[in-house]
Amino acid sequence: MSDCLHCDINELVGKRLERDGADLAEVAALIAESLADLILLAPADDQAKLMADAIGNLGHAYLEKSGEIEAGETSRH
């Protein structure tokens, strides 16, 4: 494991995708389930905001990585 959780997660996902018959939709569903588990660790009063923040971050990261917007100061890689 490195000091970069983002990198570690991407490495694990990459290894899963290298397997024969890897299904992108299934892997995405598993990642979404893990995110739901993480959100549920937050206090109940904070869960809705955390979910909204996570969805917003997903959209922003997608737009940056797809080149639709320029990477900002908050970009991790």
N, C-alpha and C. Protein backbone atom coordinates (compact mmCIF):
# COMPACT_ATOMS: atom_id res chain seq x y z
N MET A 1 0.85 -1.18 0.00
CA MET A 1 0.00 0.00 0.00
C MET A 1 0.89 1.24 0.00
N SER A 2 0.44 2.24 -0.73
CA SER A 2 1.18 3.49 -0.80
C SER A 2 0.53 4.52 0.12
N ASP A 3 1.02 5.73 0.06
CA ASP A 3 0.42 6.82 0.82
C ASP A 3 -0.76 7.43 0.08
N CYS A 4 -1.03 6.96 -1.14
CA CYS A 4 -2.09 7.51 -1.98
C CYS A 4 -3.24 6.51 -2.10
N LEU A 5 -4.31 6.76 -1.37
CA LEU A 5 -5.46 5.85 -1.39
C LEU A 5 -6.03 5.76 -2.80
N HIS A 6 -6.11 6.88 -3.50
CA HIS A 6 -6.61 6.92 -4.88
C HIS A 6 -5.81 5.97 -5.76
N CYS A 7 -4.50 6.02 -5.65
CA CYS A 7 -3.63 5.15 -6.45
C CYS A 7 -3.82 3.69 -6.07
N ASP A 8 -3.93 3.41 -4.78
CA ASP A 8 -4.12 2.03 -4.32
C ASP A 8 -5.44 1.46 -4.84
N ILE A 9 -6.49 2.25 -4.77
CA ILE A 9 -7.80 1.80 -5.27
C ILE A 9 -7.72 1.53 -6.76
N ASN A 10 -7.11 2.45 -7.51
CA ASN A 10 -7.00 2.26 -8.96
C ASN A 10 -6.17 1.02 -9.30
N GLU A 11 -5.15 0.73 -8.51
CA GLU A 11 -4.34 -0.47 -8.74
C GLU A 11 -5.19 -1.73 -8.53
N LEU A 12 -5.98 -1.76 -7.45
CA LEU A 12 -6.85 -2.91 -7.20
C LEU A 12 -7.88 -3.08 -8.30
N VAL A 13 -8.47 -1.99 -8.73
CA VAL A 13 -9.47 -2.04 -9.80
C VAL A 13 -8.82 -2.52 -11.10
N GLY A 14 -7.63 -1.99 -11.38
CA GLY A 14 -6.91 -2.41 -12.59
C GLY A 14 -6.65 -3.90 -12.61
N LYS A 15 -6.26 -4.45 -11.47
CA LYS A 15 -6.01 -5.90 -11.38
C LYS A 15 -7.30 -6.68 -11.63
N ARG A 16 -8.42 -6.19 -11.11
CA ARG A 16 -9.71 -6.86 -11.33
C ARG A 16 -10.07 -6.83 -12.82
N LEU A 17 -9.81 -5.70 -13.47
CA LEU A 17 -10.17 -5.55 -14.88
C LEU A 17 -9.27 -6.38 -15.80
N GLU A 18 -8.09 -6.76 -15.33
CA GLU A 18 -7.18 -7.58 -16.14
C GLU A 18 -7.64 -9.03 -16.23
N ARG A 19 -8.53 -9.43 -15.37
CA ARG A 19 -9.03 -10.81 -15.39
C ARG A 19 -9.86 -11.05 -16.66
N ASP A 20 -9.84 -12.28 -17.12
CA ASP A 20 -10.66 -12.64 -18.28
C ASP A 20 -12.13 -12.44 -17.94
N GLY A 21 -12.85 -11.86 -18.86
CA GLY A 21 -14.28 -11.68 -18.68
C GLY A 21 -14.66 -10.58 -17.71
N ALA A 22 -13.73 -9.68 -17.42
CA ALA A 22 -14.04 -8.57 -16.51
C ALA A 22 -15.18 -7.74 -17.08
N ASP A 23 -16.12 -7.38 -16.23
CA ASP A 23 -17.31 -6.64 -16.63
C ASP A 23 -17.24 -5.25 -15.99
N LEU A 24 -17.07 -4.22 -16.82
CA LEU A 24 -16.95 -2.85 -16.29
C LEU A 24 -18.17 -2.46 -15.45
N ALA A 25 -19.36 -2.83 -15.90
CA ALA A 25 -20.57 -2.48 -15.16
C ALA A 25 -20.58 -3.14 -13.78
N GLU A 26 -20.15 -4.38 -13.72
CA GLU A 26 -20.10 -5.08 -12.43
C GLU A 26 -19.08 -4.44 -11.49
N VAL A 27 -17.91 -4.09 -12.03
CA VAL A 27 -16.89 -3.45 -11.21
C VAL A 27 -17.39 -2.09 -10.72
N ALA A 28 -18.03 -1.33 -11.59
CA ALA A 28 -18.59 -0.03 -11.19
C ALA A 28 -19.64 -0.20 -10.09
N ALA A 29 -20.46 -1.24 -10.21
CA ALA A 29 -21.48 -1.51 -9.18
C ALA A 29 -20.83 -1.85 -7.84
N LEU A 30 -19.75 -2.62 -7.87
CA LEU A 30 -19.05 -2.96 -6.63
C LEU A 30 -18.42 -1.72 -5.99
N ILE A 31 -17.87 -0.84 -6.81
CA ILE A 31 -17.30 0.40 -6.29
C ILE A 31 -18.39 1.26 -5.69
N ALA A 32 -19.55 1.33 -6.35
CA ALA A 32 -20.68 2.11 -5.83
C ALA A 32 -21.15 1.54 -4.49
N GLU A 33 -21.17 0.22 -4.38
CA GLU A 33 -21.57 -0.41 -3.12
C GLU A 33 -20.59 -0.07 -2.00
N SER A 34 -19.30 -0.05 -2.32
CA SER A 34 -18.29 0.32 -1.33
C SER A 34 -18.45 1.77 -0.91
N LEU A 35 -18.77 2.64 -1.85
CA LEU A 35 -19.00 4.04 -1.51
C LEU A 35 -20.22 4.18 -0.60
N ALA A 36 -21.27 3.42 -0.87
CA ALA A 36 -22.45 3.44 0.00
C ALA A 36 -22.08 2.98 1.41
N ASP A 37 -21.26 1.94 1.52
CA ASP A 37 -20.81 1.47 2.83
C ASP A 37 -20.04 2.58 3.55
N LEU A 38 -19.19 3.29 2.83
CA LEU A 38 -18.43 4.39 3.42
C LEU A 38 -19.35 5.49 3.92
N ILE A 39 -20.32 5.86 3.10
CA ILE A 39 -21.27 6.92 3.48
C ILE A 39 -22.03 6.53 4.74
N LEU A 40 -22.37 5.26 4.85
CA LEU A 40 -23.11 4.79 6.02
C LEU A 40 -22.29 4.81 7.30
N LEU A 41 -20.97 4.96 7.19
CA LEU A 41 -20.13 5.09 8.38
C LEU A 41 -20.26 6.47 9.02
N ALA A 42 -20.72 7.44 8.24
CA ALA A 42 -20.88 8.81 8.76
C ALA A 42 -22.11 8.86 9.68
N PRO A 43 -22.13 9.83 10.59
CA PRO A 43 -23.33 10.00 11.39
C PRO A 43 -24.56 10.21 10.48
N ALA A 44 -25.70 9.71 10.91
CA ALA A 44 -26.92 9.76 10.09
C ALA A 44 -27.22 11.16 9.58
N ASP A 45 -27.00 12.16 10.40
CA ASP A 45 -27.30 13.54 10.00
C ASP A 45 -26.37 14.06 8.91
N ASP A 46 -25.23 13.42 8.71
CA ASP A 46 -24.26 13.86 7.72
C ASP A 46 -24.29 13.05 6.42
N GLN A 47 -25.03 11.96 6.41
CA GLN A 47 -24.99 11.04 5.27
C GLN A 47 -25.49 11.66 3.97
N ALA A 48 -26.58 12.41 4.01
CA ALA A 48 -27.11 13.00 2.78
C ALA A 48 -26.13 13.99 2.17
N LYS A 49 -25.51 14.82 3.00
CA LYS A 49 -24.53 15.78 2.48
C LYS A 49 -23.31 15.06 1.94
N LEU A 50 -22.85 14.01 2.63
CA LEU A 50 -21.70 13.25 2.16
C LEU A 50 -22.00 12.59 0.82
N MET A 51 -23.23 12.06 0.66
CA MET A 51 -23.60 11.46 -0.62
C MET A 51 -23.62 12.52 -1.72
N ALA A 52 -24.18 13.67 -1.43
CA ALA A 52 -24.22 14.75 -2.42
C ALA A 52 -22.81 15.20 -2.79
N ASP A 53 -21.94 15.31 -1.80
CA ASP A 53 -20.54 15.69 -2.08
C ASP A 53 -19.86 14.64 -2.94
N ALA A 54 -20.09 13.36 -2.64
CA ALA A 54 -19.48 12.27 -3.40
C ALA A 54 -19.94 12.31 -4.86
N ILE A 55 -21.23 12.51 -5.07
CA ILE A 55 -21.76 12.57 -6.44
C ILE A 55 -21.20 13.79 -7.17
N GLY A 56 -21.12 14.92 -6.47
CA GLY A 56 -20.54 16.12 -7.07
C GLY A 56 -19.08 15.92 -7.44
N ASN A 57 -18.33 15.28 -6.55
CA ASN A 57 -16.91 14.99 -6.83
C ASN A 57 -16.76 14.02 -8.00
N LEU A 58 -17.65 13.04 -8.10
CA LEU A 58 -17.62 12.11 -9.22
C LEU A 58 -17.82 12.86 -10.53
N GLY A 59 -18.82 13.71 -10.57
CA GLY A 59 -19.08 14.48 -11.79
C GLY A 59 -17.93 15.38 -12.16
N HIS A 60 -17.37 16.06 -11.18
CA HIS A 60 -16.25 16.97 -11.42
C HIS A 60 -15.02 16.20 -11.91
N ALA A 61 -14.71 15.08 -11.26
CA ALA A 61 -13.56 14.28 -11.68
C ALA A 61 -13.75 13.75 -13.10
N TYR A 62 -14.96 13.33 -13.42
CA TYR A 62 -15.24 12.84 -14.77
C TYR A 62 -15.01 13.95 -15.80
N LEU A 63 -15.52 15.14 -15.52
CA LEU A 63 -15.35 16.25 -16.46
C LEU A 63 -13.88 16.62 -16.63
N GLU A 64 -13.11 16.61 -15.53
CA GLU A 64 -11.68 16.89 -15.62
C GLU A 64 -10.95 15.83 -16.44
N LYS A 65 -11.19 14.58 -16.10
CA LYS A 65 -10.45 13.49 -16.74
C LYS A 65 -10.85 13.28 -18.19
N SER A 66 -12.08 13.67 -18.55
CA SER A 66 -12.52 13.54 -19.94
C SER A 66 -12.09 14.75 -20.77
N GLY A 67 -11.51 15.75 -20.11
CA GLY A 67 -11.03 16.93 -20.82
C GLY A 67 -12.09 17.98 -21.07
N GLU A 68 -13.27 17.81 -20.51
CA GLU A 68 -14.33 18.79 -20.70
C GLU A 68 -14.07 20.08 -19.94
N ILE A 69 -13.36 19.98 -18.81
CA ILE A 69 -12.95 21.16 -18.05
C ILE A 69 -11.49 20.99 -17.67
N GLU A 70 -10.83 22.10 -17.38
CA GLU A 70 -9.43 22.04 -16.98
C GLU A 70 -9.33 21.55 -15.54
N ALA A 71 -8.25 20.81 -15.28
CA ALA A 71 -8.01 20.32 -13.92
C ALA A 71 -7.74 21.50 -13.02
N GLY A 72 -8.37 21.49 -11.86
CA GLY A 72 -8.21 22.58 -10.90
C GLY A 72 -7.19 22.24 -9.84
N GLU A 73 -7.08 23.11 -8.87
CA GLU A 73 -6.13 22.91 -7.77
C GLU A 73 -6.50 21.71 -6.91
N THR A 74 -7.76 21.30 -6.91
CA THR A 74 -8.19 20.18 -6.09
C THR A 74 -7.96 18.83 -6.78
N SER A 75 -7.52 18.85 -8.02
CA SER A 75 -7.28 17.60 -8.73
C SER A 75 -6.16 16.82 -8.05
N ARG A 76 -6.36 15.52 -7.85
CA ARG A 76 -5.38 14.71 -7.15
C ARG A 76 -4.29 14.21 -8.09
N HIS A 77 -4.64 13.94 -9.35
CA HIS A 77 -3.66 13.47 -10.33
C HIS A 77 -4.06 13.94 -11.70
